Amino acid sequence: PSEMLALVLSISLRPCTGALFVLLLAWRMQILPAGILATVAMGLGTASFNLMLASSGLGVHMMLGHLGRGRTIAIVSPALQILAGSLVILASAGLLLRAI
């Protein structure tokens, strides 16, 4: 758990272009404190999303570990990965079609 927290913090603390853009705009509009708060909120959102994703992956891994080793895991694990990827593709396609 402490390694997971360190990983999430290291990912969320790096500046992204969106955060830099918000800081630049806030600085030019002379509302830098608001820009700093917005950037912190963006980092916390990224951290919470990454923590949720890592925790769910670990939970599935532990659940599959209880099922036993062998053929079941060899079939279930790739099937779950394909299902998750398909859901991401469907969600992305839905958002794209809405935007068009």
Foldseek 3Di string as FASTA:
>chain_A
DVVLLVVLLVVLPDDDPVLVVLQVVCVVVVNNVVSVVVSVVSSVVSSVVSSVVVVVVVVVVVVLVVVDDDDVCVPVVVVVVVVVVVVVVVVVVVVVVVVD
